[in-house]
Amino acid sequence: MIPLSFNTYTFLANDESMGAANVEITLSNLIYSFDWELPVGAEGIDTLKTHGVVTHKTNALRLVAKVYNHDWKS
């Protein structure tokens, strides 16, 4: 095992938070770039959850992505 100095650990911790921020920005841009709609025939969003230490949705969320028209008007 290689001993890490305090400065090296601080650098690694900052690198992890920057990586998380990059993932967050990429995901938000992806979500913003589309209009999200329910599939044809879907009646609504299922909000049933399973109970336990971690809560999960019973059924997966299914959406249809349509390209968003970025028609900027001033």
PDB file of N, CA and C in Angstrom:
ATOM      1  N   MET A   1       0.835  -1.177   0.000  1.00  0.00           N
ATOM      2  CA  MET A   1       0.000   0.000   0.000  1.00  0.00           C
ATOM      3  C   MET A   1       0.882   1.244   0.000  1.00  0.00           C
ATOM      4  N   ILE A   2       0.540   2.197  -0.825  1.00  0.00           N
ATOM      5  CA  ILE A   2       1.308   3.425  -0.942  1.00  0.00           C
ATOM      6  C   ILE A   2       0.693   4.462  -0.015  1.00  0.00           C
ATOM      7  N   PRO A   3       1.490   5.018   0.895  1.00  0.00           N
ATOM      8  CA  PRO A   3       0.922   6.049   1.789  1.00  0.00           C
ATOM      9  C   PRO A   3       0.612   7.326   1.007  1.00  0.00           C
ATOM     10  N   LEU A   4      -0.537   7.926   1.270  1.00  0.00           N
ATOM     11  CA  LEU A   4      -0.934   9.155   0.600  1.00  0.00           C
ATOM     12  C   LEU A   4      -0.764  10.321   1.548  1.00  0.00           C
ATOM     13  N   SER A   5      -0.208  11.382   1.053  1.00  0.00           N
ATOM     14  CA  SER A   5      -0.084  12.574   1.881  1.00  0.00           C
ATOM     15  C   SER A   5      -1.443  13.275   1.933  1.00  0.00           C
ATOM     16  N   PHE A   6      -1.606  14.215   2.829  1.00  0.00           N
ATOM     17  CA  PHE A   6      -2.858  14.950   2.972  1.00  0.00           C
ATOM     18  C   PHE A   6      -3.208  15.677   1.676  1.00  0.00           C
ATOM     19  N   ASN A   7      -2.219  16.262   1.014  1.00  0.00           N
ATOM     20  CA  ASN A   7      -2.474  16.993  -0.217  1.00  0.00           C
ATOM     21  C   ASN A   7      -2.979  16.077  -1.325  1.00  0.00           C
ATOM     22  N   THR A   8      -2.461  14.864  -1.402  1.00  0.00           N
ATOM     23  CA  THR A   8      -2.908  13.915  -2.418  1.00  0.00           C
ATOM     24  C   THR A   8      -4.348  13.525  -2.156  1.00  0.00           C
ATOM     25  N   TYR A   9      -4.709  13.247  -0.910  1.00  0.00           N
ATOM     26  CA  TYR A   9      -6.078  12.866  -0.577  1.00  0.00           C
ATOM     27  C   TYR A   9      -7.038  14.009  -0.881  1.00  0.00           C
ATOM     28  N   THR A  10      -6.659  15.226  -0.563  1.00  0.00           N
ATOM     29  CA  THR A  10      -7.497  16.392  -0.853  1.00  0.00           C
ATOM     30  C   THR A  10      -7.720  16.516  -2.353  1.00  0.00           C
ATOM     31  N   PHE A  11      -6.687  16.268  -3.134  1.00  0.00           N
ATOM     32  CA  PHE A  11      -6.809  16.331  -4.586  1.00  0.00           C
ATOM     33  C   PHE A  11      -7.774  15.266  -5.086  1.00  0.00           C
ATOM     34  N   LEU A  12      -7.673  14.038  -4.550  1.00  0.00           N
ATOM     35  CA  LEU A  12      -8.563  12.959  -4.972  1.00  0.00           C
ATOM     36  C   LEU A  12     -10.005  13.249  -4.577  1.00  0.00           C
ATOM     37  N   ALA A  13     -10.214  13.803  -3.396  1.00  0.00           N
ATOM     38  CA  ALA A  13     -11.572  14.125  -2.951  1.00  0.00           C
ATOM     39  C   ALA A  13     -12.181  15.205  -3.843  1.00  0.00           C
ATOM     40  N   ASN A  14     -11.404  16.205  -4.218  1.00  0.00           N
ATOM     41  CA  ASN A  14     -11.897  17.251  -5.112  1.00  0.00           C
ATOM     42  C   ASN A  14     -12.202  16.683  -6.494  1.00  0.00           C
ATOM     43  N   ASP A  15     -11.406  15.731  -6.939  1.00  0.00           N
ATOM     44  CA  ASP A  15     -11.606  15.115  -8.244  1.00  0.00           C
ATOM     45  C   ASP A  15     -12.918  14.320  -8.272  1.00  0.00           C
ATOM     46  N   GLU A  16     -13.248  13.646  -7.171  1.00  0.00           N
ATOM     47  CA  GLU A  16     -14.502  12.896  -7.096  1.00  0.00           C
ATOM     48  C   GLU A  16     -15.701  13.833  -7.147  1.00  0.00           C
ATOM     49  N   SER A  17     -15.652  14.944  -6.444  1.00  0.00           N
ATOM     50  CA  SER A  17     -16.787  15.870  -6.454  1.00  0.00           C
ATOM     51  C   SER A  17     -16.934  16.523  -7.825  1.00  0.00           C
ATOM     52  N   MET A  18     -15.833  16.770  -8.519  1.00  0.00           N
ATOM     53  CA  MET A  18     -15.920  17.333  -9.862  1.00  0.00           C
ATOM     54  C   MET A  18     -16.519  16.312 -10.825  1.00  0.00           C
ATOM     55  N   GLY A  19     -16.169  15.048 -10.663  1.00  0.00           N
ATOM     56  CA  GLY A  19     -16.741  14.000 -11.502  1.00  0.00           C
ATOM     57  C   GLY A  19     -18.241  13.885 -11.292  1.00  0.00           C
ATOM     58  N   ALA A  20     -18.690  13.980 -10.032  1.00  0.00           N
ATOM     59  CA  ALA A  20     -20.125  13.930  -9.743  1.00  0.00           C
ATOM     60  C   ALA A  20     -20.838  15.127 -10.355  1.00  0.00           C
ATOM     61  N   ALA A  21     -20.232  16.296 -10.311  1.00  0.00           N
ATOM     62  CA  ALA A  21     -20.830  17.490 -10.909  1.00  0.00           C
ATOM     63  C   ALA A  21     -20.933  17.343 -12.425  1.00  0.00           C
ATOM     64  N   ASN A  22     -19.920  16.749 -13.056  1.00  0.00           N
ATOM     65  CA  ASN A  22     -19.971  16.535 -14.508  1.00  0.00           C
ATOM     66  C   ASN A  22     -21.092  15.586 -14.897  1.00  0.00           C
ATOM     67  N   VAL A  23     -21.296  14.538 -14.118  1.00  0.00           N
ATOM     68  CA  VAL A  23     -22.384  13.602 -14.398  1.00  0.00           C
ATOM     69  C   VAL A  23     -23.726  14.307 -14.235  1.00  0.00           C
ATOM     70  N   GLU A  24     -23.861  15.126 -13.194  1.00  0.00           N
ATOM     71  CA  GLU A  24     -25.098  15.864 -12.945  1.00  0.00           C
ATOM     72  C   GLU A  24     -25.430  16.811 -14.091  1.00  0.00           C
ATOM     73  N   ILE A  25     -24.442  17.541 -14.577  1.00  0.00           N
ATOM     74  CA  ILE A  25     -24.658  18.491 -15.675  1.00  0.00           C
ATOM     75  C   ILE A  25     -25.023  17.749 -16.962  1.00  0.00           C
ATOM     76  N   THR A  26     -24.339  16.641 -17.236  1.00  0.00           N
ATOM     77  CA  THR A  26     -24.631  15.864 -18.434  1.00  0.00           C
ATOM     78  C   THR A  26     -26.047  15.307 -18.393  1.00  0.00           C
ATOM     79  N   LEU A  27     -26.454  14.778 -17.257  1.00  0.00           N
ATOM     80  CA  LEU A  27     -27.797  14.231 -17.116  1.00  0.00           C
ATOM     81  C   LEU A  27     -28.863  15.316 -17.239  1.00  0.00           C
ATOM     82  N   SER A  28     -28.624  16.485 -16.637  1.00  0.00           N
ATOM     83  CA  SER A  28     -29.608  17.569 -16.736  1.00  0.00           C
ATOM     84  C   SER A  28     -29.728  18.074 -18.173  1.00  0.00           C
ATOM     85  N   ASN A  29     -28.631  18.134 -18.918  1.00  0.00           N
ATOM     86  CA  ASN A  29     -28.700  18.534 -20.324  1.00  0.00           C
ATOM     87  C   ASN A  29     -29.454  17.510 -21.156  1.00  0.00           C
ATOM     88  N   LEU A  30     -29.267  16.233 -20.856  1.00  0.00           N
ATOM     89  CA  LEU A  30     -29.982  15.188 -21.571  1.00  0.00           C
ATOM     90  C   LEU A  30     -31.478  15.282 -21.298  1.00  0.00           C
ATOM     91  N   ILE A  31     -31.865  15.485 -20.058  1.00  0.00           N
ATOM     92  CA  ILE A  31     -33.278  15.596 -19.704  1.00  0.00           C
ATOM     93  C   ILE A  31     -33.892  16.838 -20.344  1.00  0.00           C
ATOM     94  N   TYR A  32     -33.175  17.936 -20.360  1.00  0.00           N
ATOM     95  CA  TYR A  32     -33.682  19.189 -20.906  1.00  0.00           C
ATOM     96  C   TYR A  32     -33.824  19.151 -22.428  1.00  0.00           C
ATOM     97  N   SER A  33     -33.052  18.299 -23.091  1.00  0.00           N
ATOM     98  CA  SER A  33     -33.029  18.272 -24.554  1.00  0.00           C
ATOM     99  C   SER A  33     -34.218  17.560 -25.180  1.00  0.00           C
ATOM    100  N   PHE A  34     -35.069  16.958 -24.379  1.00  0.00           N
ATOM    101  CA  PHE A  34     -36.199  16.208 -24.905  1.00  0.00           C
ATOM    102  C   PHE A  34     -37.494  16.639 -24.237  1.00  0.00           C
ATOM    103  N   ASP A  35     -38.607  16.464 -24.965  1.00  0.00           N
ATOM    104  CA  ASP A  35     -39.939  16.538 -24.376  1.00  0.00           C
ATOM    105  C   ASP A  35     -40.288  15.122 -23.970  1.00  0.00           C
ATOM    106  N   TRP A  36     -40.654  14.919 -22.726  1.00  0.00           N
ATOM    107  CA  TRP A  36     -40.944  13.585 -22.214  1.00  0.00           C
ATOM    108  C   TRP A  36     -42.443  13.399 -22.127  1.00  0.00           C
ATOM    109  N   GLU A  37     -42.946  12.316 -22.716  1.00  0.00           N
ATOM    110  CA  GLU A  37     -44.378  12.018 -22.719  1.00  0.00           C
ATOM    111  C   GLU A  37     -44.601  10.564 -22.314  1.00  0.00           C
ATOM    112  N   LEU A  38     -45.809  10.281 -21.853  1.00  0.00           N
ATOM    113  CA  LEU A  38     -46.179   8.904 -21.560  1.00  0.00           C
ATOM    114  C   LEU A  38     -46.410   8.160 -22.867  1.00  0.00           C
ATOM    115  N   PRO A  39     -46.139   6.857 -22.898  1.00  0.00           N
ATOM    116  CA  PRO A  39     -46.394   6.089 -24.118  1.00  0.00           C
ATOM    117  C   PRO A  39     -47.884   6.035 -24.440  1.00  0.00           C
ATOM    118  N   VAL A  40     -48.201   5.725 -25.684  1.00  0.00           N
ATOM    119  CA  VAL A  40     -49.596   5.620 -26.121  1.00  0.00           C
ATOM    120  C   VAL A  40     -50.273   4.502 -25.319  1.00  0.00           C
ATOM    121  N   GLY A  41     -51.433   4.813 -24.785  1.00  0.00           N
ATOM    122  CA  GLY A  41     -52.176   3.823 -24.026  1.00  0.00           C
ATOM    123  C   GLY A  41     -51.901   3.842 -22.536  1.00  0.00           C
ATOM    124  N   ALA A  42     -50.904   4.584 -22.101  1.00  0.00           N
ATOM    125  CA  ALA A  42     -50.608   4.675 -20.671  1.00  0.00           C
ATOM    126  C   ALA A  42     -51.611   5.609 -20.004  1.00  0.00           C
ATOM    127  N   GLU A  43     -52.108   5.205 -18.844  1.00  0.00           N
ATOM    128  CA  GLU A  43     -53.125   5.993 -18.161  1.00  0.00           C
ATOM    129  C   GLU A  43     -52.535   7.005 -17.183  1.00  0.00           C
ATOM    130  N   GLY A  44     -51.348   6.820 -16.776  1.00  0.00           N
ATOM    131  CA  GLY A  44     -50.724   7.741 -15.834  1.00  0.00           C
ATOM    132  C   GLY A  44     -49.434   7.145 -15.300  1.00  0.00           C
ATOM    133  N   ILE A  45     -48.839   7.841 -14.371  1.00  0.00           N
ATOM    134  CA  ILE A  45     -47.587   7.388 -13.782  1.00  0.00           C
ATOM    135  C   ILE A  45     -47.911   6.531 -12.562  1.00  0.00           C
ATOM    136  N   ASP A  46     -47.345   5.331 -12.526  1.00  0.00           N
ATOM    137  CA  ASP A  46     -47.549   4.418 -11.408  1.00  0.00           C
ATOM    138  C   ASP A  46     -46.686   4.890 -10.233  1.00  0.00           C
ATOM    139  N   THR A  47     -47.289   5.120  -9.080  1.00  0.00           N
ATOM    140  CA  THR A  47     -46.544   5.618  -7.927  1.00  0.00           C
ATOM    141  C   THR A  47     -46.412   4.581  -6.818  1.00  0.00           C
ATOM    142  N   LEU A  48     -46.697   3.306  -7.121  1.00  0.00           N
ATOM    143  CA  LEU A  48     -46.555   2.260  -6.112  1.00  0.00           C
ATOM    144  C   LEU A  48     -45.089   2.031  -5.803  1.00  0.00           C
ATOM    145  N   LYS A  49     -44.801   1.792  -4.525  1.00  0.00           N
ATOM    146  CA  LYS A  49     -43.425   1.602  -4.086  1.00  0.00           C
ATOM    147  C   LYS A  49     -43.318   0.328  -3.271  1.00  0.00           C
ATOM    148  N   THR A  50     -42.142  -0.276  -3.254  1.00  0.00           N
ATOM    149  CA  THR A  50     -41.871  -1.386  -2.351  1.00  0.00           C
ATOM    150  C   THR A  50     -41.272  -0.797  -1.087  1.00  0.00           C
ATOM    151  N   HIS A  51     -41.479  -1.447   0.017  1.00  0.00           N
ATOM    152  CA  HIS A  51     -40.974  -0.930   1.291  1.00  0.00           C
ATOM    153  C   HIS A  51     -39.818  -1.790   1.780  1.00  0.00           C
ATOM    154  N   GLY A  52     -38.896  -1.163   2.413  1.00  0.00           N
ATOM    155  CA  GLY A  52     -37.727  -1.848   2.935  1.00  0.00           C
ATOM    156  C   GLY A  52     -36.711  -0.799   3.365  1.00  0.00           C
ATOM    157  N   VAL A  53     -35.475  -1.201   3.456  1.00  0.00           N
ATOM    158  CA  VAL A  53     -34.414  -0.265   3.830  1.00  0.00           C
ATOM    159  C   VAL A  53     -34.273   0.807   2.752  1.00  0.00           C
ATOM    160  N   VAL A  54     -34.377   0.385   1.499  1.00  0.00           N
ATOM    161  CA  VAL A  54     -34.345   1.295   0.363  1.00  0.00           C
ATOM    162  C   VAL A  54     -35.672   1.176  -0.368  1.00  0.00           C
ATOM    163  N   THR A  55     -36.289   2.305  -0.705  1.00  0.00           N
ATOM    164  CA  THR A  55     -37.577   2.283  -1.391  1.00  0.00           C
ATOM    165  C   THR A  55     -37.355   2.277  -2.895  1.00  0.00           C
ATOM    166  N   HIS A  56     -37.983   1.329  -3.576  1.00  0.00           N
ATOM    167  CA  HIS A  56     -37.913   1.225  -5.033  1.00  0.00           C
ATOM    168  C   HIS A  56     -39.317   1.307  -5.605  1.00  0.00           C
ATOM    169  N   LYS A  57     -39.418   1.741  -6.849  1.00  0.00           N
ATOM    170  CA  LYS A  57     -40.714   1.725  -7.536  1.00  0.00           C
ATOM    171  C   LYS A  57     -41.053   0.287  -7.893  1.00  0.00           C
ATOM    172  N   THR A  58     -42.339  -0.061  -7.780  1.00  0.00           N
ATOM    173  CA  THR A  58     -42.783  -1.401  -8.120  1.00  0.00           C
ATOM    174  C   THR A  58     -42.633  -1.652  -9.616  1.00  0.00           C
ATOM    175  N   ASN A  59     -43.051  -0.696 -10.428  1.00  0.00           N
ATOM    176  CA  ASN A  59     -42.942  -0.805 -11.890  1.00  0.00           C
ATOM    177  C   ASN A  59     -42.051   0.322 -12.402  1.00  0.00           C
ATOM    178  N   ALA A  60     -41.283   0.012 -13.430  1.00  0.00           N
ATOM    179  CA  ALA A  60     -40.361   1.000 -13.997  1.00  0.00           C
ATOM    180  C   ALA A  60     -41.138   2.157 -14.642  1.00  0.00           C
ATOM    181  N   LEU A  61     -40.549   3.337 -14.603  1.00  0.00           N
ATOM    182  CA  LEU A  61     -41.125   4.506 -15.253  1.00  0.00           C
ATOM    183  C   LEU A  61     -40.822   4.419 -16.745  1.00  0.00           C
ATOM    184  N   ARG A  62     -41.840   4.454 -17.554  1.00  0.00           N
ATOM    185  CA  ARG A  62     -41.668   4.355 -19.012  1.00  0.00           C
ATOM    186  C   ARG A  62     -42.126   5.667 -19.632  1.00  0.00           C
ATOM    187  N   LEU A  63     -41.211   6.297 -20.374  1.00  0.00           N
ATOM    188  CA  LEU A  63     -41.491   7.560 -21.044  1.00  0.00           C
ATOM    189  C   LEU A  63     -41.002   7.497 -22.484  1.00  0.00           C
ATOM    190  N   VAL A  64     -41.569   8.352 -23.313  1.00  0.00           N
ATOM    191  CA  VAL A  64     -41.143   8.468 -24.702  1.00  0.00           C
ATOM    192  C   VAL A  64     -40.476   9.825 -24.855  1.00  0.00           C
ATOM    193  N   ALA A  65     -39.276   9.828 -25.417  1.00  0.00           N
ATOM    194  CA  ALA A  65     -38.530  11.073 -25.612  1.00  0.00           C
ATOM    195  C   ALA A  65     -38.767  11.596 -27.019  1.00  0.00           C
ATOM    196  N   LYS A  66     -39.138  12.865 -27.120  1.00  0.00           N
ATOM    197  CA  LYS A  66     -39.274  13.541 -28.413  1.00  0.00           C
ATOM    198  C   LYS A  66     -38.336  14.740 -28.399  1.00  0.00           C
ATOM    199  N   VAL A  67     -37.700  14.986 -29.526  1.00  0.00           N
ATOM    200  CA  VAL A  67     -36.718  16.067 -29.600  1.00  0.00           C
ATOM    201  C   VAL A  67     -37.392  17.390 -29.288  1.00  0.00           C
ATOM    202  N   TYR A  68     -36.773  18.149 -28.394  1.00  0.00           N
ATOM    203  CA  TYR A  68     -37.301  19.441 -27.973  1.00  0.00           C
ATOM    204  C   TYR A  68     -36.887  20.499 -28.983  1.00  0.00           C
ATOM    205  N   ASN A  69     -37.819  21.356 -29.378  1.00  0.00           N
ATOM    206  CA  ASN A  69     -37.535  22.422 -30.332  1.00  0.00           C
ATOM    207  C   ASN A  69     -37.047  23.644 -29.560  1.00  0.00           C
ATOM    208  N   HIS A  70     -35.762  23.918 -29.634  1.00  0.00           N
ATOM    209  CA  HIS A  70     -35.189  25.073 -28.959  1.00  0.00           C
ATOM    210  C   HIS A  70     -35.347  26.303 -29.854  1.00  0.00           C
ATOM    211  N   ASP A  71     -36.543  26.813 -29.944  1.00  0.00           N
ATOM    212  CA  ASP A  71     -36.828  27.967 -30.774  1.00  0.00           C
ATOM    213  C   ASP A  71     -36.732  29.223 -29.901  1.00  0.00           C
ATOM    214  N   TRP A  72     -35.523  29.772 -29.824  1.00  0.00           N
ATOM    215  CA  TRP A  72     -35.276  30.912 -28.936  1.00  0.00           C
ATOM    216  C   TRP A  72     -35.859  32.188 -29.533  1.00  0.00           C
ATOM    217  N   LYS A  73     -36.730  32.799 -28.803  1.00  0.00           N
ATOM    218  CA  LYS A  73     -37.306  34.068 -29.241  1.00  0.00           C
ATOM    219  C   LYS A  73     -37.069  35.091 -28.154  1.00  0.00           C
ATOM    220  N   SER A  74     -36.740  36.312 -28.567  1.00  0.00           N
ATOM    221  CA  SER A  74     -36.492  37.335 -27.556  1.00  0.00           C
ATOM    222  C   SER A  74     -37.621  38.335 -27.473  1.00  0.00           C
TER     223      SER A  74
END
